[in-house]
Amino acid sequence: MAFSSDDVKANREYFANKLRAYKQKTDVQHWVKGEPAGGEFVLLDVRPRDAFAKAHIKGALNAPLAELGDLAAQLPREKELVTYCWSAT
């Protein structure tokens, strides 16, 4: 079975995106551990303020999802923004 050029292109894009996501994940993991990370970014905790106050990753900023539209102008534009959240449920 031969692959069309569209199939090859779709596969190339899929794996490039997967590799990019994996690299971003490992960059954040290194940053959290205090190890050198690949690139400058700001870690945003998008949970509500009360959840952030209880516990968060050291160095993260709190930008609750419900307020993100209002806070967007205050966020740095020169760095990549990486968001995270979690739930106890």
C-alpha atoms as a PDB file:
ATOM      1  CA  MET A   1       0.000   0.000   0.000  1.00  0.00           C
ATOM      2  CA  ALA A   2       1.484   3.302  -1.076  1.00  0.00           C
ATOM      3  CA  PHE A   3       1.010   6.471   0.935  1.00  0.00           C
ATOM      4  CA  SER A   4      -0.200   9.612  -0.776  1.00  0.00           C
ATOM      5  CA  SER A   5       1.682  12.861  -0.337  1.00  0.00           C
ATOM      6  CA  ASP A   6      -1.230  14.053   1.844  1.00  0.00           C
ATOM      7  CA  ASP A   7      -0.803  10.983   4.091  1.00  0.00           C
ATOM      8  CA  VAL A   8       2.917  11.651   4.447  1.00  0.00           C
ATOM      9  CA  LYS A   9       2.274  15.329   5.219  1.00  0.00           C
ATOM     10  CA  ALA A  10      -0.409  14.472   7.819  1.00  0.00           C
ATOM     11  CA  ASN A  11       1.912  11.970   9.525  1.00  0.00           C
ATOM     12  CA  ARG A  12       4.803  14.420   9.539  1.00  0.00           C
ATOM     13  CA  GLU A  13       2.597  17.113  11.139  1.00  0.00           C
ATOM     14  CA  TYR A  14       1.190  14.656  13.696  1.00  0.00           C
ATOM     15  CA  PHE A  15       4.612  13.523  14.893  1.00  0.00           C
ATOM     16  CA  ALA A  16       6.057  17.052  14.839  1.00  0.00           C
ATOM     17  CA  ASN A  17       3.195  18.226  17.075  1.00  0.00           C
ATOM     18  CA  LYS A  18       3.608  15.225  19.361  1.00  0.00           C
ATOM     19  CA  LEU A  19       7.347  15.868  19.718  1.00  0.00           C
ATOM     20  CA  ARG A  20       6.728  19.572  20.378  1.00  0.00           C
ATOM     21  CA  ALA A  21       4.201  18.741  23.147  1.00  0.00           C
ATOM     22  CA  TYR A  22       6.591  16.231  24.730  1.00  0.00           C
ATOM     23  CA  LYS A  23       9.425  18.758  24.690  1.00  0.00           C
ATOM     24  CA  GLN A  24       7.222  21.384  26.339  1.00  0.00           C
ATOM     25  CA  LYS A  25       6.200  18.898  29.032  1.00  0.00           C
ATOM     26  CA  THR A  26       9.796  17.988  29.834  1.00  0.00           C
ATOM     27  CA  ASP A  27      10.818  21.676  29.857  1.00  0.00           C
ATOM     28  CA  VAL A  28       8.193  22.361  32.530  1.00  0.00           C
ATOM     29  CA  GLN A  29       9.218  19.291  34.530  1.00  0.00           C
ATOM     30  CA  HIS A  30      12.849  20.493  34.541  1.00  0.00           C
ATOM     31  CA  TRP A  31      11.742  24.015  35.531  1.00  0.00           C
ATOM     32  CA  VAL A  32       9.664  22.702  38.435  1.00  0.00           C
ATOM     33  CA  LYS A  33      12.660  20.703  39.701  1.00  0.00           C
ATOM     34  CA  GLY A  34      14.876  23.788  39.506  1.00  0.00           C
ATOM     35  CA  GLU A  35      16.885  22.328  36.636  1.00  0.00           C
ATOM     36  CA  PRO A  36      17.768  24.238  33.476  1.00  0.00           C
ATOM     37  CA  ALA A  37      14.746  24.318  31.178  1.00  0.00           C
ATOM     38  CA  GLY A  38      14.599  24.718  27.429  1.00  0.00           C
ATOM     39  CA  GLY A  39      13.452  28.279  26.975  1.00  0.00           C
ATOM     40  CA  GLU A  40      11.908  31.142  28.837  1.00  0.00           C
ATOM     41  CA  PHE A  41       8.318  30.729  29.913  1.00  0.00           C
ATOM     42  CA  VAL A  42       5.863  31.753  32.598  1.00  0.00           C
ATOM     43  CA  LEU A  43       3.942  29.037  34.400  1.00  0.00           C
ATOM     44  CA  LEU A  44       0.291  30.009  34.926  1.00  0.00           C
ATOM     45  CA  ASP A  45      -1.979  28.217  37.374  1.00  0.00           C
ATOM     46  CA  VAL A  46      -5.481  28.775  35.991  1.00  0.00           C
ATOM     47  CA  ARG A  47      -7.355  27.380  38.994  1.00  0.00           C
ATOM     48  CA  PRO A  48      -9.466  29.621  41.238  1.00  0.00           C
ATOM     49  CA  ARG A  49      -7.577  31.807  43.710  1.00  0.00           C
ATOM     50  CA  ASP A  50      -8.594  29.767  46.765  1.00  0.00           C
ATOM     51  CA  ALA A  51      -7.172  26.572  45.239  1.00  0.00           C
ATOM     52  CA  PHE A  52      -3.963  28.413  44.317  1.00  0.00           C
ATOM     53  CA  ALA A  53      -3.670  29.734  47.893  1.00  0.00           C
ATOM     54  CA  LYS A  54      -3.908  26.191  49.286  1.00  0.00           C
ATOM     55  CA  ALA A  55      -1.137  24.777  47.077  1.00  0.00           C
ATOM     56  CA  HIS A  56       0.626  25.557  43.823  1.00  0.00           C
ATOM     57  CA  ILE A  57       3.882  24.989  41.991  1.00  0.00           C
ATOM     58  CA  LYS A  58       6.538  27.331  43.369  1.00  0.00           C
ATOM     59  CA  GLY A  59       7.121  30.233  40.984  1.00  0.00           C
ATOM     60  CA  ALA A  60       3.791  29.878  39.182  1.00  0.00           C
ATOM     61  CA  LEU A  61       1.488  32.846  38.733  1.00  0.00           C
ATOM     62  CA  ASN A  62      -2.228  32.614  39.391  1.00  0.00           C
ATOM     63  CA  ALA A  63      -4.495  33.643  36.526  1.00  0.00           C
ATOM     64  CA  PRO A  64      -7.878  32.013  37.171  1.00  0.00           C
ATOM     65  CA  LEU A  65      -9.539  30.808  34.000  1.00  0.00           C
ATOM     66  CA  ALA A  66     -12.652  32.849  34.814  1.00  0.00           C
ATOM     67  CA  GLU A  67     -10.491  36.018  34.945  1.00  0.00           C
ATOM     68  CA  LEU A  68      -8.067  35.200  32.151  1.00  0.00           C
ATOM     69  CA  GLY A  69      -9.682  37.554  29.647  1.00  0.00           C
ATOM     70  CA  ASP A  70      -9.338  40.468  32.071  1.00  0.00           C
ATOM     71  CA  LEU A  71      -5.769  39.540  33.058  1.00  0.00           C
ATOM     72  CA  ALA A  72      -4.451  38.863  29.542  1.00  0.00           C
ATOM     73  CA  ALA A  73      -3.158  42.414  29.040  1.00  0.00           C
ATOM     74  CA  GLN A  74      -1.058  42.117  32.222  1.00  0.00           C
ATOM     75  CA  LEU A  75       0.680  38.887  31.197  1.00  0.00           C
ATOM     76  CA  PRO A  76       4.186  39.079  29.715  1.00  0.00           C
ATOM     77  CA  ARG A  77       4.281  38.971  25.933  1.00  0.00           C
ATOM     78  CA  GLU A  78       7.989  38.249  25.561  1.00  0.00           C
ATOM     79  CA  LYS A  79       7.765  34.779  27.100  1.00  0.00           C
ATOM     80  CA  GLU A  80       5.805  31.657  26.317  1.00  0.00           C
ATOM     81  CA  LEU A  81       2.855  31.113  28.660  1.00  0.00           C
ATOM     82  CA  VAL A  82       2.374  27.569  29.958  1.00  0.00           C
ATOM     83  CA  THR A  83      -0.861  26.878  31.806  1.00  0.00           C
ATOM     84  CA  TYR A  84      -1.726  24.133  34.232  1.00  0.00           C
ATOM     85  CA  CYS A  85      -4.561  23.093  36.501  1.00  0.00           C
ATOM     86  CA  TRP A  86      -5.665  20.027  38.385  1.00  0.00           C
ATOM     87  CA  SER A  87      -8.628  18.828  40.352  1.00  0.00           C
ATOM     88  CA  ALA A  88      -8.994  16.615  43.382  1.00  0.00           C
ATOM     89  CA  THR A  89     -12.084  15.009  41.878  1.00  0.00           C
END
